[in-house]
Every structure is written in structure tokens, then in C-alpha cells.
Amino acid sequence: MNGKSPELTAQLENISNIISESLTDLRKLSKTLTQPFEHTNFIDLLKTECEKINALKVCNVEFSSNIESILMPGNIGLFLLRILQEFMQNSLKHAGCKTISVAIEKNNKVLKLCAEDDGKGFDINHMYNTSKGICLKNIMKRGNLLALQWICIA
């Protein structure tokens, strides 16, 4: 970077850092895509996702659970985790929320995962039909795939 202005040098260093961080994030993502969910406590995965968002200090994520540990079949755990990740990213990006609440409960044989934010909200039918983004559509597709998987397992 000899002969470059200090501003240009700083910009190039920032770009280099962003690329390096992006590659690190991509490596982490590829590892989580192949992570064996059958042998991982799903509650710990949810807590970790909530901690990641809290570390950004953009909003507060509150996590609650009435169970300590649960092992999920591979695709089911992966789909639930991805749905939660999509939801939290959308909340951060669009909702203008101060708090995201994530709760997982098990009552008898029913497992319930609930995520909500205190943001501005939206009309789901309007957004699903008019939005150019893929987040909501990804959530719906994964939810439908989950329903099919649960039917096959039951």
C-alpha cells in the first residue's frame, strides 16, 4: 500500500477486514449446516443463538425454557433453528424492536417453540404476497417441511 493516501489505505484495510470476517462467518455457517443435531442439546443451540444477538447490543433477547435438554432428529432441529434465525434477523432488520422473546416448552408430548418481538408488526398476507425478500417465504417453507417430517415420524 505504498504511495496510497491514508484514507485509501484505511478503506482498503476495512474492506479486507470485512472480507476476512465474512469468510470466517461462512466457515462457521458451513459447519453448522453439517452439525449432527441428533447429538446436540437443542436447548443449548437456541441459547447460543440468543446470546449471539444479545452480543450485538442492538436489542435484548430473552430466552426461557421449561426443559433443560432435548435431542432433536437432524432435519427437524436444523429447520427449527433456521426458522428462529430467520425470525431474529427479520426482527433486527425490519421490526425496530427493543426485545425479542424466545420460549421453548414441553408439555406431555407437545414441544412448542415461540418467538416474538415488540416491533412494529406487519400484515402477513400482504408481506408474503408482495415482499421481494425471501425470509418470510423461507420460514413458511421450512414450517411446511417440518409438518411433513413430523407426520412421517409420528
N, C-alpha and C. Protein backbone atom coordinates (compact mmCIF):
# COMPACT_ATOMS: atom_id res chain seq x y z
N MET A 1 0.83 -1.18 0.00
CA MET A 1 0.00 0.00 0.00
C MET A 1 0.88 1.25 0.00
N ASN A 2 2.09 1.10 -0.50
CA ASN A 2 2.99 2.24 -0.60
C ASN A 2 2.45 3.26 -1.58
N GLY A 3 2.60 4.54 -1.25
CA GLY A 3 2.18 5.60 -2.14
C GLY A 3 0.69 5.87 -2.11
N LYS A 4 -0.06 5.16 -1.32
CA LYS A 4 -1.51 5.37 -1.24
C LYS A 4 -1.80 6.40 -0.15
N SER A 5 -2.88 7.11 -0.32
CA SER A 5 -3.28 8.09 0.69
C SER A 5 -3.71 7.36 1.95
N PRO A 6 -3.60 8.00 3.12
CA PRO A 6 -4.01 7.34 4.37
C PRO A 6 -5.49 6.96 4.37
N GLU A 7 -6.33 7.77 3.73
CA GLU A 7 -7.76 7.44 3.68
C GLU A 7 -8.00 6.19 2.85
N LEU A 8 -7.33 6.08 1.71
CA LEU A 8 -7.47 4.91 0.85
C LEU A 8 -6.92 3.67 1.55
N THR A 9 -5.80 3.82 2.24
CA THR A 9 -5.22 2.70 2.98
C THR A 9 -6.20 2.22 4.05
N ALA A 10 -6.82 3.14 4.76
CA ALA A 10 -7.78 2.77 5.81
C ALA A 10 -9.00 2.08 5.20
N GLN A 11 -9.47 2.57 4.06
CA GLN A 11 -10.62 1.94 3.41
C GLN A 11 -10.27 0.52 2.96
N LEU A 12 -9.09 0.36 2.38
CA LEU A 12 -8.67 -0.98 1.94
C LEU A 12 -8.54 -1.93 3.12
N GLU A 13 -8.03 -1.44 4.25
CA GLU A 13 -7.93 -2.28 5.44
C GLU A 13 -9.32 -2.66 5.95
N ASN A 14 -10.26 -1.71 5.93
CA ASN A 14 -11.63 -2.00 6.35
C ASN A 14 -12.27 -3.05 5.45
N ILE A 15 -12.08 -2.91 4.15
CA ILE A 15 -12.62 -3.88 3.20
C ILE A 15 -12.00 -5.25 3.44
N SER A 16 -10.71 -5.29 3.65
CA SER A 16 -10.02 -6.54 3.92
C SER A 16 -10.56 -7.20 5.19
N ASN A 17 -10.80 -6.39 6.23
CA ASN A 17 -11.34 -6.92 7.48
C ASN A 17 -12.76 -7.47 7.27
N ILE A 18 -13.57 -6.76 6.51
CA ILE A 18 -14.94 -7.21 6.24
C ILE A 18 -14.92 -8.53 5.49
N ILE A 19 -14.06 -8.64 4.48
CA ILE A 19 -13.95 -9.89 3.72
C ILE A 19 -13.49 -11.03 4.62
N SER A 20 -12.50 -10.76 5.46
CA SER A 20 -11.99 -11.78 6.37
C SER A 20 -13.08 -12.24 7.34
N GLU A 21 -13.84 -11.28 7.91
CA GLU A 21 -14.93 -11.63 8.82
C GLU A 21 -16.02 -12.42 8.09
N SER A 22 -16.31 -12.03 6.86
CA SER A 22 -17.32 -12.74 6.07
C SER A 22 -16.91 -14.19 5.81
N LEU A 23 -15.64 -14.40 5.50
CA LEU A 23 -15.15 -15.76 5.28
C LEU A 23 -15.22 -16.59 6.56
N THR A 24 -14.88 -15.97 7.68
CA THR A 24 -14.99 -16.66 8.97
C THR A 24 -16.43 -17.04 9.25
N ASP A 25 -17.37 -16.10 9.01
CA ASP A 25 -18.79 -16.38 9.21
C ASP A 25 -19.27 -17.49 8.29
N LEU A 26 -18.80 -17.48 7.05
CA LEU A 26 -19.19 -18.51 6.09
C LEU A 26 -18.69 -19.88 6.54
N ARG A 27 -17.48 -19.93 7.05
CA ARG A 27 -16.95 -21.21 7.56
C ARG A 27 -17.78 -21.71 8.73
N LYS A 28 -18.13 -20.79 9.65
CA LYS A 28 -18.96 -21.17 10.79
C LYS A 28 -20.32 -21.68 10.31
N LEU A 29 -20.90 -20.99 9.33
CA LEU A 29 -22.20 -21.39 8.80
C LEU A 29 -22.12 -22.78 8.17
N SER A 30 -21.08 -23.01 7.39
CA SER A 30 -20.96 -24.33 6.74
C SER A 30 -20.80 -25.43 7.78
N LYS A 31 -20.13 -25.15 8.89
CA LYS A 31 -20.01 -26.15 9.95
C LYS A 31 -21.35 -26.41 10.60
N THR A 32 -22.15 -25.36 10.83
CA THR A 32 -23.45 -25.57 11.46
C THR A 32 -24.42 -26.27 10.53
N LEU A 33 -24.22 -26.15 9.22
CA LEU A 33 -25.11 -26.83 8.28
C LEU A 33 -24.91 -28.34 8.32
N THR A 34 -23.72 -28.77 8.71
CA THR A 34 -23.45 -30.20 8.76
C THR A 34 -23.37 -30.72 10.19
N GLN A 35 -23.65 -29.87 11.14
CA GLN A 35 -23.57 -30.24 12.55
C GLN A 35 -24.55 -31.39 12.86
N PRO A 36 -24.11 -32.39 13.58
CA PRO A 36 -25.00 -33.51 13.89
C PRO A 36 -25.99 -33.12 15.00
N PHE A 37 -27.18 -32.70 14.61
CA PHE A 37 -28.17 -32.24 15.57
C PHE A 37 -28.65 -33.36 16.48
N GLU A 38 -28.57 -34.59 16.02
CA GLU A 38 -29.05 -35.71 16.83
C GLU A 38 -28.27 -35.84 18.14
N HIS A 39 -27.04 -35.32 18.17
CA HIS A 39 -26.18 -35.47 19.34
C HIS A 39 -25.93 -34.16 20.05
N THR A 40 -26.70 -33.13 19.75
CA THR A 40 -26.51 -31.81 20.32
C THR A 40 -27.77 -31.39 21.07
N ASN A 41 -27.58 -30.88 22.26
CA ASN A 41 -28.71 -30.40 23.04
C ASN A 41 -29.32 -29.19 22.32
N PHE A 42 -30.55 -29.34 21.86
CA PHE A 42 -31.21 -28.28 21.10
C PHE A 42 -31.42 -27.02 21.94
N ILE A 43 -31.62 -27.17 23.22
CA ILE A 43 -31.80 -26.01 24.11
C ILE A 43 -30.52 -25.17 24.11
N ASP A 44 -29.37 -25.83 24.15
CA ASP A 44 -28.09 -25.11 24.10
C ASP A 44 -27.92 -24.35 22.79
N LEU A 45 -28.36 -24.95 21.67
CA LEU A 45 -28.28 -24.27 20.37
C LEU A 45 -29.14 -23.01 20.37
N LEU A 46 -30.34 -23.11 20.92
CA LEU A 46 -31.22 -21.94 20.98
C LEU A 46 -30.62 -20.85 21.86
N LYS A 47 -30.09 -21.24 23.02
CA LYS A 47 -29.45 -20.26 23.91
C LYS A 47 -28.29 -19.55 23.21
N THR A 48 -27.50 -20.33 22.47
CA THR A 48 -26.35 -19.76 21.75
C THR A 48 -26.81 -18.72 20.73
N GLU A 49 -27.88 -19.03 19.99
CA GLU A 49 -28.41 -18.07 19.00
C GLU A 49 -28.86 -16.79 19.69
N CYS A 50 -29.53 -16.93 20.81
CA CYS A 50 -29.99 -15.75 21.56
C CYS A 50 -28.81 -14.93 22.08
N GLU A 51 -27.78 -15.61 22.55
CA GLU A 51 -26.58 -14.92 23.04
C GLU A 51 -25.87 -14.16 21.92
N LYS A 52 -25.86 -14.74 20.70
CA LYS A 52 -25.24 -14.07 19.55
C LYS A 52 -25.92 -12.73 19.28
N ILE A 53 -27.26 -12.73 19.32
CA ILE A 53 -27.99 -11.50 19.06
C ILE A 53 -27.78 -10.51 20.21
N ASN A 54 -27.79 -10.99 21.43
CA ASN A 54 -27.54 -10.11 22.58
C ASN A 54 -26.16 -9.47 22.50
N ALA A 55 -25.18 -10.20 21.98
CA ALA A 55 -23.82 -9.67 21.86
C ALA A 55 -23.74 -8.49 20.90
N LEU A 56 -24.69 -8.40 19.96
CA LEU A 56 -24.71 -7.27 19.03
C LEU A 56 -25.13 -5.97 19.72
N LYS A 57 -25.81 -6.10 20.86
CA LYS A 57 -26.29 -4.96 21.65
C LYS A 57 -27.22 -4.05 20.85
N VAL A 58 -28.00 -4.66 19.95
CA VAL A 58 -28.98 -3.92 19.17
C VAL A 58 -30.34 -4.00 19.85
N CYS A 59 -30.65 -5.16 20.38
CA CYS A 59 -31.87 -5.35 21.15
C CYS A 59 -31.62 -6.45 22.16
N ASN A 60 -32.56 -6.63 23.08
CA ASN A 60 -32.44 -7.64 24.11
C ASN A 60 -33.20 -8.90 23.70
N VAL A 61 -32.55 -10.05 23.82
CA VAL A 61 -33.21 -11.31 23.54
C VAL A 61 -33.40 -12.04 24.86
N GLU A 62 -34.65 -12.35 25.17
CA GLU A 62 -34.99 -13.07 26.39
C GLU A 62 -35.29 -14.52 26.01
N PHE A 63 -34.64 -15.45 26.69
CA PHE A 63 -34.85 -16.87 26.42
C PHE A 63 -35.42 -17.54 27.65
N SER A 64 -36.42 -18.39 27.45
CA SER A 64 -36.96 -19.17 28.56
C SER A 64 -37.29 -20.58 28.08
N SER A 65 -37.20 -21.52 29.01
CA SER A 65 -37.49 -22.91 28.69
C SER A 65 -37.89 -23.64 29.96
N ASN A 66 -38.83 -24.57 29.82
CA ASN A 66 -39.18 -25.39 30.97
C ASN A 66 -38.50 -26.76 30.90
N ILE A 67 -37.56 -26.90 29.98
CA ILE A 67 -36.78 -28.13 29.86
C ILE A 67 -35.30 -27.80 29.79
N GLU A 68 -34.49 -28.69 30.31
CA GLU A 68 -33.04 -28.49 30.33
C GLU A 68 -32.36 -28.97 29.06
N SER A 69 -32.91 -30.05 28.50
CA SER A 69 -32.21 -30.70 27.40
C SER A 69 -33.21 -31.42 26.51
N ILE A 70 -32.95 -31.38 25.22
CA ILE A 70 -33.74 -32.17 24.27
C ILE A 70 -32.87 -32.43 23.05
N LEU A 71 -32.91 -33.65 22.57
CA LEU A 71 -32.21 -34.01 21.35
C LEU A 71 -33.25 -34.09 20.25
N MET A 72 -32.94 -33.47 19.12
CA MET A 72 -33.89 -33.41 18.00
C MET A 72 -33.36 -34.24 16.84
N PRO A 73 -34.27 -34.90 16.12
CA PRO A 73 -33.85 -35.54 14.87
C PRO A 73 -33.24 -34.48 13.95
N GLY A 74 -32.19 -34.83 13.21
CA GLY A 74 -31.39 -33.91 12.41
C GLY A 74 -32.12 -32.81 11.68
N ASN A 75 -32.94 -33.14 10.71
CA ASN A 75 -33.58 -32.10 9.90
C ASN A 75 -34.56 -31.26 10.69
N ILE A 76 -35.23 -31.86 11.65
CA ILE A 76 -36.20 -31.12 12.44
C ILE A 76 -35.49 -30.04 13.25
N GLY A 77 -34.40 -30.41 13.93
CA GLY A 77 -33.63 -29.44 14.69
C GLY A 77 -33.06 -28.34 13.80
N LEU A 78 -32.55 -28.75 12.65
CA LEU A 78 -31.98 -27.78 11.72
C LEU A 78 -33.04 -26.81 11.22
N PHE A 79 -34.20 -27.32 10.83
CA PHE A 79 -35.27 -26.44 10.33
C PHE A 79 -35.75 -25.48 11.41
N LEU A 80 -35.94 -25.98 12.64
CA LEU A 80 -36.39 -25.10 13.73
C LEU A 80 -35.36 -24.01 14.02
N LEU A 81 -34.09 -24.40 14.02
CA LEU A 81 -33.03 -23.41 14.27
C LEU A 81 -33.00 -22.36 13.16
N ARG A 82 -33.11 -22.79 11.92
CA ARG A 82 -33.08 -21.84 10.79
C ARG A 82 -34.31 -20.92 10.83
N ILE A 83 -35.47 -21.45 11.20
CA ILE A 83 -36.66 -20.60 11.32
C ILE A 83 -36.41 -19.53 12.37
N LEU A 84 -35.86 -19.93 13.51
CA LEU A 84 -35.58 -18.96 14.57
C LEU A 84 -34.56 -17.92 14.10
N GLN A 85 -33.51 -18.36 13.41
CA GLN A 85 -32.51 -17.42 12.91
C GLN A 85 -33.12 -16.43 11.93
N GLU A 86 -33.96 -16.92 11.02
CA GLU A 86 -34.62 -16.03 10.04
C GLU A 86 -35.50 -15.02 10.77
N PHE A 87 -36.26 -15.52 11.75
CA PHE A 87 -37.15 -14.63 12.50
C PHE A 87 -36.35 -13.53 13.19
N MET A 88 -35.26 -13.91 13.88
CA MET A 88 -34.49 -12.90 14.62
C MET A 88 -33.83 -11.90 13.67
N GLN A 89 -33.33 -12.39 12.54
CA GLN A 89 -32.72 -11.46 11.57
C GLN A 89 -33.77 -10.48 11.04
N ASN A 90 -34.95 -10.99 10.74
CA ASN A 90 -36.03 -10.11 10.27
C ASN A 90 -36.42 -9.10 11.35
N SER A 91 -36.49 -9.55 12.58
CA SER A 91 -36.83 -8.66 13.69
C SER A 91 -35.82 -7.53 13.81
N LEU A 92 -34.54 -7.88 13.71
CA LEU A 92 -33.48 -6.88 13.81
C LEU A 92 -33.51 -5.91 12.63
N LYS A 93 -33.77 -6.46 11.46
CA LYS A 93 -33.69 -5.68 10.22
C LYS A 93 -34.89 -4.77 10.00
N HIS A 94 -36.09 -5.27 10.31
CA HIS A 94 -37.30 -4.58 9.88
C HIS A 94 -38.24 -4.13 11.00
N ALA A 95 -38.20 -4.78 12.16
CA ALA A 95 -39.25 -4.55 13.15
C ALA A 95 -39.00 -3.33 14.03
N GLY A 96 -37.75 -2.90 14.14
CA GLY A 96 -37.46 -1.80 15.04
C GLY A 96 -37.75 -2.18 16.49
N CYS A 97 -37.50 -3.43 16.82
CA CYS A 97 -37.85 -3.93 18.15
C CYS A 97 -36.76 -3.63 19.18
N LYS A 98 -37.19 -3.64 20.43
CA LYS A 98 -36.25 -3.50 21.55
C LYS A 98 -36.02 -4.83 22.23
N THR A 99 -37.01 -5.74 22.09
CA THR A 99 -36.92 -7.04 22.76
C THR A 99 -37.43 -8.15 21.83
N ILE A 100 -36.70 -9.24 21.82
CA ILE A 100 -37.13 -10.47 21.17
C ILE A 100 -37.27 -11.51 22.27
N SER A 101 -38.39 -12.21 22.30
CA SER A 101 -38.61 -13.26 23.29
C SER A 101 -38.63 -14.61 22.58
N VAL A 102 -37.88 -15.55 23.12
CA VAL A 102 -37.83 -16.91 22.59
C VAL A 102 -38.14 -17.85 23.75
N ALA A 103 -39.13 -18.70 23.55
CA ALA A 103 -39.51 -19.65 24.60
C ALA A 103 -39.70 -21.03 23.98
N ILE A 104 -39.23 -22.03 24.68
CA ILE A 104 -39.48 -23.41 24.25
C ILE A 104 -40.02 -24.16 25.46
N GLU A 105 -41.14 -24.84 25.24
CA GLU A 105 -41.81 -25.55 26.31
C GLU A 105 -42.15 -26.97 25.86
N LYS A 106 -42.13 -27.86 26.81
CA LYS A 106 -42.58 -29.22 26.53
C LYS A 106 -43.65 -29.55 27.56
N ASN A 107 -44.84 -29.87 27.07
CA ASN A 107 -45.95 -30.30 27.90
C ASN A 107 -46.44 -31.63 27.35
N ASN A 108 -46.33 -32.66 28.18
CA ASN A 108 -46.64 -34.03 27.75
C ASN A 108 -45.77 -34.36 26.55
N LYS A 109 -46.37 -34.62 25.40
CA LYS A 109 -45.58 -34.96 24.21
C LYS A 109 -45.53 -33.83 23.20
N VAL A 110 -45.96 -32.64 23.61
CA VAL A 110 -46.01 -31.49 22.70
C VAL A 110 -44.85 -30.55 23.00
N LEU A 111 -44.09 -30.24 21.96
CA LEU A 111 -42.99 -29.28 22.07
C LEU A 111 -43.42 -28.01 21.36
N LYS A 112 -43.32 -26.89 22.04
CA LYS A 112 -43.76 -25.60 21.48
C LYS A 112 -42.60 -24.62 21.51
N LEU A 113 -42.25 -24.10 20.34
CA LEU A 113 -41.24 -23.06 20.21
C LEU A 113 -41.95 -21.78 19.80
N CYS A 114 -41.79 -20.75 20.60
CA CYS A 114 -42.47 -19.48 20.33
C CYS A 114 -41.44 -18.36 20.29
N ALA A 115 -41.50 -17.54 19.25
CA ALA A 115 -40.61 -16.39 19.13
C ALA A 115 -41.45 -15.19 18.75
N GLU A 116 -41.22 -14.07 19.44
CA GLU A 116 -41.95 -12.84 19.14
C GLU A 116 -41.08 -11.64 19.46
N ASP A 117 -41.42 -10.53 18.84
CA ASP A 117 -40.71 -9.29 19.14
C ASP A 117 -41.72 -8.20 19.46
N ASP A 118 -41.24 -7.09 20.00
CA ASP A 118 -42.12 -5.98 20.33
C ASP A 118 -42.04 -4.87 19.27
N GLY A 119 -41.74 -5.28 18.04
CA GLY A 119 -41.59 -4.33 16.94
C GLY A 119 -42.91 -3.86 16.36
N LYS A 120 -42.82 -3.20 15.21
CA LYS A 120 -43.97 -2.54 14.61
C LYS A 120 -44.98 -3.48 13.98
N GLY A 121 -44.62 -4.73 13.72
CA GLY A 121 -45.55 -5.70 13.16
C GLY A 121 -45.78 -5.49 11.67
N PHE A 122 -46.57 -6.41 11.07
CA PHE A 122 -46.87 -6.34 9.65
C PHE A 122 -48.05 -7.24 9.33
N ASP A 123 -48.65 -7.00 8.20
CA ASP A 123 -49.75 -7.84 7.71
C ASP A 123 -49.12 -9.01 6.96
N ILE A 124 -49.21 -10.20 7.52
CA ILE A 124 -48.52 -11.36 6.96
C ILE A 124 -48.97 -11.69 5.54
N ASN A 125 -50.26 -11.58 5.25
CA ASN A 125 -50.74 -11.89 3.90
C ASN A 125 -50.19 -10.89 2.88
N HIS A 126 -50.20 -9.62 3.24
CA HIS A 126 -49.68 -8.59 2.33
C HIS A 126 -48.18 -8.80 2.11
N MET A 127 -47.43 -9.03 3.19
CA MET A 127 -45.99 -9.19 3.07
C MET A 127 -45.63 -10.43 2.27
N TYR A 128 -46.32 -11.53 2.51
CA TYR A 128 -45.99 -12.78 1.82
C TYR A 128 -46.23 -12.65 0.32
N ASN A 129 -47.27 -11.92 -0.05
CA ASN A 129 -47.62 -11.80 -1.47
C ASN A 129 -46.88 -10.68 -2.19
N THR A 130 -46.40 -9.66 -1.48
CA THR A 130 -45.79 -8.51 -2.15
C THR A 130 -44.30 -8.34 -1.87
N SER A 131 -43.78 -8.97 -0.83
CA SER A 131 -42.39 -8.76 -0.46
C SER A 131 -41.44 -9.38 -1.48
N LYS A 132 -40.36 -8.67 -1.77
CA LYS A 132 -39.32 -9.21 -2.65
C LYS A 132 -38.32 -10.04 -1.86
N GLY A 133 -38.35 -9.90 -0.53
CA GLY A 133 -37.45 -10.66 0.33
C GLY A 133 -37.85 -12.12 0.41
N ILE A 134 -36.92 -12.95 0.85
CA ILE A 134 -37.19 -14.38 0.91
C ILE A 134 -37.34 -14.90 2.33
N CYS A 135 -37.10 -14.07 3.32
CA CYS A 135 -37.09 -14.54 4.71
C CYS A 135 -38.42 -15.17 5.11
N LEU A 136 -39.51 -14.45 4.96
CA LEU A 136 -40.82 -14.97 5.35
C LEU A 136 -41.16 -16.23 4.56
N LYS A 137 -40.84 -16.23 3.29
CA LYS A 137 -41.11 -17.40 2.46
C LYS A 137 -40.27 -18.60 2.92
N ASN A 138 -39.02 -18.35 3.31
CA ASN A 138 -38.18 -19.43 3.84
C ASN A 138 -38.77 -20.00 5.12
N ILE A 139 -39.25 -19.13 5.99
CA ILE A 139 -39.86 -19.58 7.24
C ILE A 139 -41.07 -20.46 6.94
N MET A 140 -41.92 -20.01 6.03
CA MET A 140 -43.13 -20.77 5.69
C MET A 140 -42.76 -22.13 5.06
N LYS A 141 -41.79 -22.13 4.15
CA LYS A 141 -41.39 -23.39 3.51
C LYS A 141 -40.82 -24.37 4.53
N ARG A 142 -39.97 -23.87 5.41
CA ARG A 142 -39.40 -24.74 6.43
C ARG A 142 -40.48 -25.26 7.38
N GLY A 143 -41.42 -24.40 7.73
CA GLY A 143 -42.54 -24.83 8.57
C GLY A 143 -43.34 -25.93 7.91
N ASN A 144 -43.60 -25.78 6.62
CA ASN A 144 -44.33 -26.82 5.89
C ASN A 144 -43.54 -28.12 5.83
N LEU A 145 -42.22 -28.02 5.62
CA LEU A 145 -41.38 -29.22 5.60
C LEU A 145 -41.36 -29.89 6.97
N LEU A 146 -41.35 -29.07 8.02
CA LEU A 146 -41.40 -29.62 9.37
C LEU A 146 -42.68 -30.40 9.60
N ALA A 147 -43.79 -29.84 9.16
CA ALA A 147 -45.09 -30.51 9.33
C ALA A 147 -45.05 -31.86 8.63
N LEU A 148 -44.48 -31.90 7.44
CA LEU A 148 -44.38 -33.17 6.71
C LEU A 148 -43.48 -34.16 7.45
N GLN A 149 -42.37 -33.66 8.00
CA GLN A 149 -41.46 -34.56 8.71
C GLN A 149 -42.11 -35.11 9.97
N TRP A 150 -42.84 -34.26 10.68
CA TRP A 150 -43.50 -34.73 11.91
C TRP A 150 -44.51 -35.80 11.58
N ILE A 151 -45.22 -35.63 10.48
CA ILE A 151 -46.21 -36.63 10.07
C ILE A 151 -45.51 -37.95 9.77
N CYS A 152 -44.36 -37.89 9.11
CA CYS A 152 -43.63 -39.10 8.76
C CYS A 152 -43.06 -39.79 10.00
N ILE A 153 -42.68 -39.04 11.01
CA ILE A 153 -42.09 -39.60 12.22
C ILE A 153 -43.18 -40.20 13.11
N ALA A 154 -44.31 -39.54 13.18
CA ALA A 154 -45.38 -39.94 14.12
C ALA A 154 -45.93 -41.31 13.83
